[in-house]
Amino acid sequence: MRLLLAILLPLGAQDAKPDPAAPAEFKVRLETTKGDLVVRVVRDWAPKGADRFHALVKAGAYDDTRFYRVLPKFIAQWGYSGDPKVTAKWRETPIKDDPVKKKNVRGTLSFAKGGPDSRTLNVFINLKDNSSLDKDGFAPFAEVVEGLEFADQLHSGYGNRPQQPKIIEQGNAYLDKEFKDLDRLKSAKILE
């Protein structure tokens, strides 16, 4: 299953400047086409992951994205921007791995990765207890505190068919043409 979470690695990305430190704890509202989810981020669980997530949300990188990989009773994944230029910018600056302090249990969020120190934009929600991912270095940084039932309802009919190279290259233009039923993440906003 770990291969299902792999992302394509950027070529030539090296020691990027770290993202600014996020607050110790903060909440994010994910407005989806199925309903709103509220996520509580705990920086202590995975500081680099929390910092990157905070930076992505503040930059609007997740607004109008697609849940392009939903595997029932496993994960719901999103992350590539609808605009390929935005995706390219964030893929140039992967973040180093965090040690796994929190288990990948149902409702937690982790960054997808394709090897050591390769996390960029892609995040997944664990739709079941996926503690087996802990040993592979998937470090949860947040948990859904409201609306997890909406994650369970995300369209899962396409499985692994959306091709990541095409999403990276064409963004929403590819997904909207080839996979019209994908659910959307309309916006991600930090709650005050």
N, C-alpha and C. Protein backbone atom coordinates (compact mmCIF):
# COMPACT_ATOMS: atom_id res chain seq x y z
N MET A 1 0.81 -1.19 0.00
CA MET A 1 0.00 0.00 0.00
C MET A 1 0.85 1.26 0.00
N ARG A 2 2.08 1.20 0.51
CA ARG A 2 2.86 2.43 0.60
C ARG A 2 3.14 3.01 -0.78
N LEU A 3 3.18 2.18 -1.82
CA LEU A 3 3.39 2.70 -3.17
C LEU A 3 2.22 3.56 -3.60
N LEU A 4 1.03 3.30 -3.08
CA LEU A 4 -0.13 4.10 -3.44
C LEU A 4 0.00 5.53 -2.95
N LEU A 5 0.83 5.76 -1.94
CA LEU A 5 0.98 7.09 -1.38
C LEU A 5 2.13 7.86 -1.98
N ALA A 6 2.90 7.21 -2.83
CA ALA A 6 4.08 7.86 -3.40
C ALA A 6 3.69 9.04 -4.28
N ILE A 7 4.52 10.05 -4.27
CA ILE A 7 4.35 11.18 -5.17
C ILE A 7 5.58 11.24 -6.05
N LEU A 8 5.44 11.91 -7.16
CA LEU A 8 6.59 12.08 -8.04
C LEU A 8 7.52 13.10 -7.44
N LEU A 9 8.78 12.78 -7.42
CA LEU A 9 9.77 13.66 -6.80
C LEU A 9 10.25 14.73 -7.76
N PRO A 10 10.43 15.95 -7.27
CA PRO A 10 11.00 16.98 -8.12
C PRO A 10 12.47 16.69 -8.37
N LEU A 11 12.91 17.03 -9.54
CA LEU A 11 14.33 16.83 -9.86
C LEU A 11 15.13 18.03 -9.41
N GLY A 12 16.26 17.77 -8.77
CA GLY A 12 17.18 18.82 -8.42
C GLY A 12 16.81 19.65 -7.21
N ALA A 13 15.76 19.28 -6.49
CA ALA A 13 15.39 20.07 -5.31
C ALA A 13 16.35 19.73 -4.17
N GLN A 14 16.94 20.73 -3.60
CA GLN A 14 17.91 20.54 -2.53
C GLN A 14 17.67 21.54 -1.42
N ASP A 15 18.03 21.23 -0.21
CA ASP A 15 18.05 22.10 0.97
C ASP A 15 17.35 23.45 0.79
N ALA A 16 16.05 23.41 0.71
CA ALA A 16 15.27 24.65 0.57
C ALA A 16 15.18 25.35 1.92
N LYS A 17 14.89 26.65 1.85
CA LYS A 17 14.67 27.44 3.06
C LYS A 17 13.43 26.89 3.77
N PRO A 18 13.48 26.70 5.08
CA PRO A 18 12.32 26.12 5.77
C PRO A 18 11.13 27.07 5.78
N ASP A 19 9.93 26.47 5.87
CA ASP A 19 8.72 27.27 5.99
C ASP A 19 8.72 27.97 7.34
N PRO A 20 8.06 29.14 7.45
CA PRO A 20 7.97 29.82 8.75
C PRO A 20 7.26 28.93 9.78
N ALA A 21 7.63 29.07 11.02
CA ALA A 21 7.03 28.24 12.08
C ALA A 21 5.55 28.55 12.23
N ALA A 22 4.75 27.51 12.29
CA ALA A 22 3.31 27.63 12.50
C ALA A 22 3.06 27.78 14.00
N PRO A 23 1.84 28.21 14.37
CA PRO A 23 1.48 28.22 15.80
C PRO A 23 1.54 26.80 16.38
N ALA A 24 1.66 26.71 17.70
CA ALA A 24 1.73 25.40 18.36
C ALA A 24 0.51 24.55 18.03
N GLU A 25 -0.66 25.17 17.96
CA GLU A 25 -1.89 24.50 17.54
C GLU A 25 -2.73 25.51 16.78
N PHE A 26 -3.40 25.04 15.74
CA PHE A 26 -4.33 25.89 15.00
C PHE A 26 -5.32 24.98 14.29
N LYS A 27 -6.45 25.59 13.89
CA LYS A 27 -7.48 24.84 13.18
C LYS A 27 -7.63 25.39 11.77
N VAL A 28 -8.02 24.49 10.86
CA VAL A 28 -8.25 24.84 9.47
C VAL A 28 -9.60 24.28 9.05
N ARG A 29 -10.40 25.12 8.39
CA ARG A 29 -11.67 24.65 7.83
C ARG A 29 -11.42 24.28 6.37
N LEU A 30 -11.73 23.04 6.03
CA LEU A 30 -11.64 22.56 4.66
C LEU A 30 -13.07 22.53 4.11
N GLU A 31 -13.39 23.46 3.22
CA GLU A 31 -14.73 23.50 2.64
C GLU A 31 -14.73 22.62 1.40
N THR A 32 -15.45 21.50 1.46
CA THR A 32 -15.48 20.55 0.35
C THR A 32 -16.88 20.50 -0.26
N THR A 33 -16.98 19.86 -1.39
CA THR A 33 -18.27 19.69 -2.05
C THR A 33 -19.17 18.71 -1.30
N LYS A 34 -18.67 17.99 -0.35
CA LYS A 34 -19.49 17.09 0.47
C LYS A 34 -19.89 17.73 1.79
N GLY A 35 -19.15 18.71 2.26
CA GLY A 35 -19.39 19.36 3.55
C GLY A 35 -18.06 19.80 4.15
N ASP A 36 -18.14 20.58 5.21
CA ASP A 36 -16.93 21.14 5.81
C ASP A 36 -16.28 20.19 6.81
N LEU A 37 -14.96 20.13 6.76
CA LEU A 37 -14.17 19.42 7.75
C LEU A 37 -13.36 20.46 8.52
N VAL A 38 -13.23 20.27 9.81
CA VAL A 38 -12.35 21.12 10.61
C VAL A 38 -11.21 20.24 11.09
N VAL A 39 -10.00 20.73 10.85
CA VAL A 39 -8.79 20.00 11.16
C VAL A 39 -8.03 20.74 12.25
N ARG A 40 -7.58 20.02 13.26
CA ARG A 40 -6.73 20.60 14.31
C ARG A 40 -5.31 20.15 14.05
N VAL A 41 -4.43 21.12 13.86
CA VAL A 41 -3.01 20.86 13.61
C VAL A 41 -2.26 21.03 14.92
N VAL A 42 -1.41 20.04 15.24
CA VAL A 42 -0.59 20.08 16.45
C VAL A 42 0.87 20.05 16.01
N ARG A 43 1.53 21.18 16.09
CA ARG A 43 2.89 21.31 15.57
C ARG A 43 3.86 20.32 16.22
N ASP A 44 3.67 20.01 17.49
CA ASP A 44 4.58 19.10 18.18
C ASP A 44 4.59 17.70 17.55
N TRP A 45 3.49 17.30 16.93
CA TRP A 45 3.44 15.96 16.33
C TRP A 45 4.40 15.84 15.15
N ALA A 46 4.51 16.89 14.33
CA ALA A 46 5.36 16.87 13.13
C ALA A 46 5.60 18.33 12.74
N PRO A 47 6.60 18.98 13.35
CA PRO A 47 6.79 20.42 13.13
C PRO A 47 6.96 20.85 11.67
N LYS A 48 7.76 20.13 10.93
CA LYS A 48 7.99 20.53 9.53
C LYS A 48 6.71 20.34 8.71
N GLY A 49 5.97 19.28 8.97
CA GLY A 49 4.71 19.05 8.28
C GLY A 49 3.68 20.12 8.63
N ALA A 50 3.58 20.46 9.91
CA ALA A 50 2.64 21.49 10.35
C ALA A 50 3.00 22.85 9.74
N ASP A 51 4.30 23.16 9.72
CA ASP A 51 4.75 24.43 9.14
C ASP A 51 4.40 24.49 7.65
N ARG A 52 4.64 23.39 6.93
CA ARG A 52 4.34 23.38 5.49
C ARG A 52 2.83 23.51 5.26
N PHE A 53 2.03 22.77 6.02
CA PHE A 53 0.58 22.84 5.86
C PHE A 53 0.07 24.26 6.11
N HIS A 54 0.57 24.88 7.17
CA HIS A 54 0.20 26.26 7.50
C HIS A 54 0.56 27.19 6.34
N ALA A 55 1.75 27.04 5.81
CA ALA A 55 2.20 27.89 4.70
C ALA A 55 1.34 27.67 3.45
N LEU A 56 1.01 26.41 3.14
CA LEU A 56 0.18 26.11 1.97
C LEU A 56 -1.21 26.70 2.11
N VAL A 57 -1.81 26.55 3.30
CA VAL A 57 -3.15 27.09 3.51
C VAL A 57 -3.12 28.62 3.41
N LYS A 58 -2.16 29.26 4.08
CA LYS A 58 -2.06 30.73 4.03
C LYS A 58 -1.88 31.24 2.59
N ALA A 59 -1.15 30.49 1.79
CA ALA A 59 -0.89 30.90 0.40
C ALA A 59 -2.07 30.59 -0.53
N GLY A 60 -3.07 29.88 -0.04
CA GLY A 60 -4.21 29.52 -0.89
C GLY A 60 -3.92 28.40 -1.86
N ALA A 61 -2.85 27.65 -1.63
CA ALA A 61 -2.45 26.60 -2.56
C ALA A 61 -3.46 25.46 -2.66
N TYR A 62 -4.25 25.25 -1.63
CA TYR A 62 -5.24 24.16 -1.65
C TYR A 62 -6.61 24.61 -2.16
N ASP A 63 -6.81 25.90 -2.36
CA ASP A 63 -8.12 26.37 -2.83
C ASP A 63 -8.38 25.86 -4.24
N ASP A 64 -9.59 25.34 -4.45
CA ASP A 64 -10.02 24.80 -5.75
C ASP A 64 -9.13 23.65 -6.22
N THR A 65 -8.83 22.74 -5.30
CA THR A 65 -8.10 21.52 -5.67
C THR A 65 -9.09 20.36 -5.70
N ARG A 66 -8.62 19.19 -6.12
CA ARG A 66 -9.46 18.01 -6.24
C ARG A 66 -8.95 16.90 -5.32
N PHE A 67 -9.88 16.15 -4.75
CA PHE A 67 -9.51 14.92 -4.04
C PHE A 67 -9.33 13.87 -5.14
N TYR A 68 -8.10 13.76 -5.63
CA TYR A 68 -7.85 12.96 -6.82
C TYR A 68 -7.61 11.49 -6.53
N ARG A 69 -7.39 11.14 -5.30
CA ARG A 69 -7.21 9.72 -4.95
C ARG A 69 -7.99 9.45 -3.67
N VAL A 70 -9.11 8.76 -3.82
CA VAL A 70 -9.90 8.37 -2.66
C VAL A 70 -10.07 6.86 -2.73
N LEU A 71 -9.50 6.19 -1.77
CA LEU A 71 -9.57 4.74 -1.67
C LEU A 71 -10.36 4.41 -0.41
N PRO A 72 -11.60 3.94 -0.56
CA PRO A 72 -12.47 3.72 0.60
C PRO A 72 -11.79 2.87 1.67
N LYS A 73 -12.02 3.27 2.89
CA LYS A 73 -11.47 2.59 4.06
C LYS A 73 -9.94 2.53 4.01
N PHE A 74 -9.34 3.51 3.34
CA PHE A 74 -7.88 3.65 3.36
C PHE A 74 -7.52 5.13 3.48
N ILE A 75 -7.56 5.88 2.37
CA ILE A 75 -7.16 7.30 2.40
C ILE A 75 -8.01 8.15 1.46
N ALA A 76 -8.00 9.46 1.72
CA ALA A 76 -8.50 10.48 0.80
C ALA A 76 -7.36 11.47 0.61
N GLN A 77 -6.87 11.61 -0.63
CA GLN A 77 -5.67 12.40 -0.89
C GLN A 77 -5.95 13.56 -1.84
N TRP A 78 -5.28 14.68 -1.57
CA TRP A 78 -5.32 15.86 -2.42
C TRP A 78 -4.00 16.59 -2.25
N GLY A 79 -3.84 17.67 -3.00
CA GLY A 79 -2.65 18.49 -2.79
C GLY A 79 -2.20 19.27 -4.00
N TYR A 80 -2.17 18.66 -5.18
CA TYR A 80 -1.71 19.42 -6.34
C TYR A 80 -2.68 20.56 -6.61
N SER A 81 -2.15 21.74 -6.82
CA SER A 81 -2.96 22.91 -7.12
C SER A 81 -3.64 22.74 -8.47
N GLY A 82 -4.76 23.43 -8.64
CA GLY A 82 -5.41 23.46 -9.94
C GLY A 82 -4.58 24.20 -10.97
N ASP A 83 -3.65 25.02 -10.51
CA ASP A 83 -2.76 25.80 -11.36
C ASP A 83 -1.37 25.14 -11.35
N PRO A 84 -0.94 24.59 -12.48
CA PRO A 84 0.36 23.90 -12.52
C PRO A 84 1.54 24.77 -12.06
N LYS A 85 1.46 26.10 -12.23
CA LYS A 85 2.55 26.97 -11.79
C LYS A 85 2.68 26.97 -10.27
N VAL A 86 1.55 26.91 -9.58
CA VAL A 86 1.57 26.86 -8.12
C VAL A 86 2.15 25.52 -7.66
N THR A 87 1.72 24.45 -8.30
CA THR A 87 2.27 23.13 -7.97
C THR A 87 3.78 23.12 -8.16
N ALA A 88 4.24 23.64 -9.28
CA ALA A 88 5.68 23.64 -9.58
C ALA A 88 6.47 24.39 -8.51
N LYS A 89 5.94 25.52 -8.05
CA LYS A 89 6.63 26.31 -7.04
C LYS A 89 6.86 25.50 -5.76
N TRP A 90 5.81 24.84 -5.28
CA TRP A 90 5.93 24.10 -4.02
C TRP A 90 6.72 22.80 -4.17
N ARG A 91 6.68 22.21 -5.35
CA ARG A 91 7.44 20.97 -5.57
C ARG A 91 8.95 21.23 -5.59
N GLU A 92 9.34 22.48 -5.82
CA GLU A 92 10.76 22.83 -5.83
C GLU A 92 11.36 22.85 -4.43
N THR A 93 10.50 22.83 -3.40
CA THR A 93 10.99 22.97 -2.04
C THR A 93 10.44 21.85 -1.13
N PRO A 94 10.89 20.61 -1.34
CA PRO A 94 10.41 19.54 -0.45
C PRO A 94 10.91 19.78 0.98
N ILE A 95 10.19 19.20 1.92
CA ILE A 95 10.59 19.34 3.32
C ILE A 95 11.17 18.03 3.84
N LYS A 96 12.02 18.16 4.81
CA LYS A 96 12.64 16.99 5.43
C LYS A 96 11.60 16.24 6.25
N ASP A 97 11.85 14.98 6.47
CA ASP A 97 10.93 14.14 7.24
C ASP A 97 10.91 14.54 8.70
N ASP A 98 9.77 14.34 9.33
CA ASP A 98 9.60 14.45 10.77
C ASP A 98 9.59 13.05 11.35
N PRO A 99 10.06 12.87 12.57
CA PRO A 99 9.88 11.56 13.21
C PRO A 99 8.38 11.33 13.47
N VAL A 100 7.97 10.09 13.42
CA VAL A 100 6.57 9.75 13.65
C VAL A 100 6.32 9.72 15.16
N LYS A 101 5.52 10.68 15.65
CA LYS A 101 5.17 10.76 17.06
C LYS A 101 3.73 10.35 17.32
N LYS A 102 2.89 10.48 16.31
CA LYS A 102 1.45 10.19 16.41
C LYS A 102 1.14 9.09 15.40
N LYS A 103 0.30 8.15 15.77
CA LYS A 103 -0.04 7.05 14.87
C LYS A 103 -0.98 7.52 13.76
N ASN A 104 -0.89 6.85 12.63
CA ASN A 104 -1.79 7.09 11.49
C ASN A 104 -3.11 6.38 11.75
N VAL A 105 -3.89 6.93 12.66
CA VAL A 105 -5.19 6.36 12.97
C VAL A 105 -6.25 7.10 12.17
N ARG A 106 -7.45 6.56 12.18
CA ARG A 106 -8.56 7.16 11.44
C ARG A 106 -8.71 8.64 11.80
N GLY A 107 -8.79 9.48 10.76
CA GLY A 107 -9.00 10.91 10.96
C GLY A 107 -7.74 11.74 11.02
N THR A 108 -6.56 11.12 11.09
CA THR A 108 -5.33 11.90 11.10
C THR A 108 -4.91 12.25 9.67
N LEU A 109 -4.12 13.31 9.56
CA LEU A 109 -3.60 13.77 8.27
C LEU A 109 -2.09 13.64 8.26
N SER A 110 -1.57 13.17 7.13
CA SER A 110 -0.12 13.06 6.92
C SER A 110 0.19 13.53 5.51
N PHE A 111 1.43 13.94 5.30
CA PHE A 111 1.88 14.25 3.95
C PHE A 111 2.26 12.95 3.24
N ALA A 112 1.89 12.86 1.96
CA ALA A 112 2.36 11.76 1.13
C ALA A 112 3.82 12.03 0.79
N LYS A 113 4.54 10.97 0.48
CA LYS A 113 5.94 11.14 0.11
C LYS A 113 6.37 9.98 -0.76
N GLY A 114 7.44 10.19 -1.49
CA GLY A 114 7.95 9.17 -2.39
C GLY A 114 9.34 8.69 -2.02
N GLY A 115 9.75 8.95 -0.80
CA GLY A 115 11.07 8.58 -0.33
C GLY A 115 11.47 9.54 0.77
N PRO A 116 12.68 9.40 1.28
CA PRO A 116 13.12 10.29 2.36
C PRO A 116 13.10 11.76 1.92
N ASP A 117 12.65 12.62 2.83
CA ASP A 117 12.71 14.08 2.65
C ASP A 117 12.09 14.55 1.34
N SER A 118 10.92 14.02 0.99
CA SER A 118 10.31 14.33 -0.30
C SER A 118 8.90 14.92 -0.19
N ARG A 119 8.48 15.33 1.00
CA ARG A 119 7.13 15.87 1.16
C ARG A 119 7.03 17.27 0.54
N THR A 120 5.93 17.51 -0.20
CA THR A 120 5.76 18.82 -0.84
C THR A 120 4.35 19.36 -0.59
N LEU A 121 3.35 18.93 -1.36
CA LEU A 121 1.99 19.45 -1.28
C LEU A 121 0.95 18.40 -0.87
N ASN A 122 1.14 17.16 -1.27
CA ASN A 122 0.11 16.14 -1.14
C ASN A 122 -0.10 15.68 0.29
N VAL A 123 -1.37 15.70 0.68
CA VAL A 123 -1.78 15.33 2.03
C VAL A 123 -2.85 14.25 1.90
N PHE A 124 -2.93 13.38 2.89
CA PHE A 124 -4.03 12.42 2.91
C PHE A 124 -4.64 12.36 4.29
N ILE A 125 -5.93 12.05 4.29
CA ILE A 125 -6.68 11.78 5.53
C ILE A 125 -6.78 10.28 5.64
N ASN A 126 -6.41 9.75 6.78
CA ASN A 126 -6.58 8.32 7.01
C ASN A 126 -8.05 8.03 7.26
N LEU A 127 -8.63 7.18 6.42
CA LEU A 127 -10.04 6.82 6.56
C LEU A 127 -10.24 5.59 7.42
N LYS A 128 -9.15 5.00 7.89
CA LYS A 128 -9.18 3.88 8.82
C LYS A 128 -7.89 3.91 9.63
N ASP A 129 -7.73 2.99 10.53
CA ASP A 129 -6.48 2.88 11.27
C ASP A 129 -5.42 2.35 10.31
N ASN A 130 -4.49 3.22 9.95
CA ASN A 130 -3.40 2.87 9.04
C ASN A 130 -2.06 2.90 9.78
N SER A 131 -2.04 2.41 11.01
CA SER A 131 -0.81 2.44 11.81
C SER A 131 0.35 1.73 11.14
N SER A 132 0.06 0.87 10.18
CA SER A 132 1.14 0.19 9.45
C SER A 132 1.99 1.19 8.67
N LEU A 133 1.46 2.39 8.40
CA LEU A 133 2.22 3.42 7.69
C LEU A 133 3.26 4.09 8.58
N ASP A 134 3.13 3.93 9.89
CA ASP A 134 4.06 4.59 10.82
C ASP A 134 5.49 4.18 10.54
N LYS A 135 5.70 2.90 10.32
CA LYS A 135 7.07 2.40 10.12
C LYS A 135 7.70 2.91 8.82
N ASP A 136 6.86 3.39 7.90
CA ASP A 136 7.35 3.92 6.64
C ASP A 136 7.60 5.43 6.70
N GLY A 137 7.43 6.02 7.89
CA GLY A 137 7.79 7.42 8.09
C GLY A 137 6.72 8.44 7.76
N PHE A 138 5.46 8.02 7.60
CA PHE A 138 4.37 8.96 7.38
C PHE A 138 3.99 9.55 8.73
N ALA A 139 4.32 10.82 8.94
CA ALA A 139 4.17 11.46 10.25
C ALA A 139 2.91 12.32 10.29
N PRO A 140 1.87 11.88 11.00
CA PRO A 140 0.67 12.71 11.13
C PRO A 140 1.00 14.04 11.82
N PHE A 141 0.35 15.10 11.31
CA PHE A 141 0.54 16.44 11.88
C PHE A 141 -0.78 17.06 12.32
N ALA A 142 -1.89 16.37 12.03
CA ALA A 142 -3.21 16.94 12.33
C ALA A 142 -4.24 15.84 12.43
N GLU A 143 -5.44 16.24 12.90
CA GLU A 143 -6.56 15.32 12.96
C GLU A 143 -7.85 16.06 12.65
N VAL A 144 -8.79 15.35 12.03
CA VAL A 144 -10.11 15.92 11.75
C VAL A 144 -10.88 15.92 13.07
N VAL A 145 -11.38 17.09 13.48
CA VAL A 145 -12.15 17.20 14.72
C VAL A 145 -13.64 17.43 14.46
N GLU A 146 -13.98 17.78 13.23
CA GLU A 146 -15.38 17.93 12.83
C GLU A 146 -15.51 17.53 11.37
N GLY A 147 -16.57 16.78 11.05
CA GLY A 147 -16.91 16.50 9.66
C GLY A 147 -16.22 15.31 9.03
N LEU A 148 -15.66 14.40 9.82
CA LEU A 148 -14.98 13.24 9.23
C LEU A 148 -15.93 12.43 8.35
N GLU A 149 -17.22 12.46 8.67
CA GLU A 149 -18.18 11.72 7.84
C GLU A 149 -18.19 12.21 6.40
N PHE A 150 -17.84 13.48 6.17
CA PHE A 150 -17.78 14.01 4.81
C PHE A 150 -16.59 13.44 4.04
N ALA A 151 -15.49 13.18 4.73
CA ALA A 151 -14.34 12.54 4.07
C ALA A 151 -14.71 11.14 3.60
N ASP A 152 -15.52 10.45 4.39
CA ASP A 152 -15.96 9.10 4.00
C ASP A 152 -16.85 9.12 2.76
N GLN A 153 -17.46 10.26 2.45
CA GLN A 153 -18.41 10.37 1.34
C GLN A 153 -17.76 10.87 0.04
N LEU A 154 -16.47 11.22 0.08
CA LEU A 154 -15.81 11.74 -1.13
C LEU A 154 -15.85 10.70 -2.25
N HIS A 155 -16.00 11.18 -3.47
CA HIS A 155 -16.12 10.28 -4.62
C HIS A 155 -14.87 9.39 -4.74
N SER A 156 -15.12 8.08 -4.80
CA SER A 156 -14.01 7.13 -4.84
C SER A 156 -14.02 6.27 -6.10
N GLY A 157 -14.83 6.62 -7.08
CA GLY A 157 -14.99 5.78 -8.26
C GLY A 157 -13.80 5.70 -9.19
N TYR A 158 -12.84 6.60 -9.05
CA TYR A 158 -11.70 6.60 -9.97
C TYR A 158 -10.48 5.88 -9.41
N GLY A 159 -10.48 5.56 -8.12
CA GLY A 159 -9.34 4.85 -7.53
C GLY A 159 -8.02 5.56 -7.80
N ASN A 160 -7.08 4.82 -8.37
CA ASN A 160 -5.74 5.35 -8.67
C ASN A 160 -5.60 5.82 -10.12
N ARG A 161 -6.70 5.94 -10.86
CA ARG A 161 -6.61 6.27 -12.29
C ARG A 161 -6.09 7.67 -12.59
N PRO A 162 -6.44 8.72 -11.84
CA PRO A 162 -5.84 10.03 -12.18
C PRO A 162 -4.30 9.95 -12.12
N GLN A 163 -3.66 10.37 -13.20
CA GLN A 163 -2.21 10.25 -13.32
C GLN A 163 -1.52 11.50 -12.79
N GLN A 164 -0.65 11.29 -11.80
CA GLN A 164 0.00 12.43 -11.17
C GLN A 164 0.83 13.28 -12.14
N PRO A 165 1.56 12.70 -13.09
CA PRO A 165 2.30 13.57 -14.02
C PRO A 165 1.37 14.52 -14.79
N LYS A 166 0.19 14.04 -15.14
CA LYS A 166 -0.75 14.90 -15.87
C LYS A 166 -1.36 15.95 -14.95
N ILE A 167 -1.59 15.61 -13.68
CA ILE A 167 -2.10 16.60 -12.73
C ILE A 167 -1.06 17.70 -12.54
N ILE A 168 0.20 17.30 -12.39
CA ILE A 168 1.29 18.26 -12.22
C ILE A 168 1.38 19.18 -13.43
N GLU A 169 1.27 18.61 -14.61
CA GLU A 169 1.45 19.36 -15.86
C GLU A 169 0.24 20.22 -16.22
N GLN A 170 -0.99 19.69 -15.99
CA GLN A 170 -2.19 20.36 -16.49
C GLN A 170 -3.15 20.84 -15.40
N GLY A 171 -2.96 20.40 -14.17
CA GLY A 171 -3.81 20.82 -13.07
C GLY A 171 -5.27 20.44 -13.24
N ASN A 172 -6.16 21.35 -12.85
CA ASN A 172 -7.59 21.07 -12.90
C ASN A 172 -8.10 20.87 -14.32
N ALA A 173 -7.44 21.43 -15.31
CA ALA A 173 -7.90 21.25 -16.69
C ALA A 173 -7.96 19.76 -17.03
N TYR A 174 -6.94 19.02 -16.65
CA TYR A 174 -6.92 17.56 -16.87
C TYR A 174 -7.97 16.86 -16.03
N LEU A 175 -8.00 17.16 -14.74
CA LEU A 175 -8.93 16.46 -13.85
C LEU A 175 -10.38 16.74 -14.21
N ASP A 176 -10.71 17.99 -14.52
CA ASP A 176 -12.09 18.34 -14.84
C ASP A 176 -12.55 17.72 -16.16
N LYS A 177 -11.62 17.52 -17.07
CA LYS A 177 -11.97 16.91 -18.36
C LYS A 177 -12.12 15.39 -18.24
N GLU A 178 -11.18 14.75 -17.55
CA GLU A 178 -11.13 13.29 -17.51
C GLU A 178 -11.84 12.66 -16.32
N PHE A 179 -12.00 13.42 -15.22
CA PHE A 179 -12.53 12.86 -13.98
C PHE A 179 -13.54 13.83 -13.37
N LYS A 180 -14.63 14.04 -14.08
CA LYS A 180 -15.60 15.08 -13.75
C LYS A 180 -16.27 14.90 -12.39
N ASP A 181 -16.30 13.69 -11.88
CA ASP A 181 -17.02 13.45 -10.63
C ASP A 181 -16.17 13.63 -9.37
N LEU A 182 -14.91 14.01 -9.52
CA LEU A 182 -14.06 14.21 -8.34
C LEU A 182 -14.65 15.29 -7.44
N ASP A 183 -14.59 15.05 -6.15
CA ASP A 183 -14.99 16.09 -5.21
C ASP A 183 -13.89 17.13 -5.13
N ARG A 184 -14.30 18.35 -4.73
CA ARG A 184 -13.41 19.49 -4.71
C ARG A 184 -13.16 19.96 -3.28
N LEU A 185 -11.99 20.46 -3.07
CA LEU A 185 -11.69 21.24 -1.88
C LEU A 185 -11.81 22.69 -2.33
N LYS A 186 -12.95 23.30 -2.02
CA LYS A 186 -13.23 24.65 -2.49
C LYS A 186 -12.28 25.65 -1.87
N SER A 187 -12.06 25.54 -0.54
CA SER A 187 -11.13 26.44 0.11
C SER A 187 -10.63 25.81 1.40
N ALA A 188 -9.47 26.26 1.81
CA ALA A 188 -8.87 25.89 3.11
C ALA A 188 -8.52 27.19 3.81
N LYS A 189 -9.07 27.40 4.98
CA LYS A 189 -8.88 28.65 5.70
C LYS A 189 -8.49 28.37 7.16
N ILE A 190 -7.51 29.12 7.64
CA ILE A 190 -7.12 29.03 9.05
C ILE A 190 -8.19 29.72 9.88
N LEU A 191 -8.64 29.06 10.92
CA LEU A 191 -9.65 29.61 11.81
C LEU A 191 -8.97 30.40 12.92
N GLU A 192 -9.49 31.58 13.21
CA GLU A 192 -8.92 32.42 14.27
C GLU A 192 -9.47 32.02 15.62
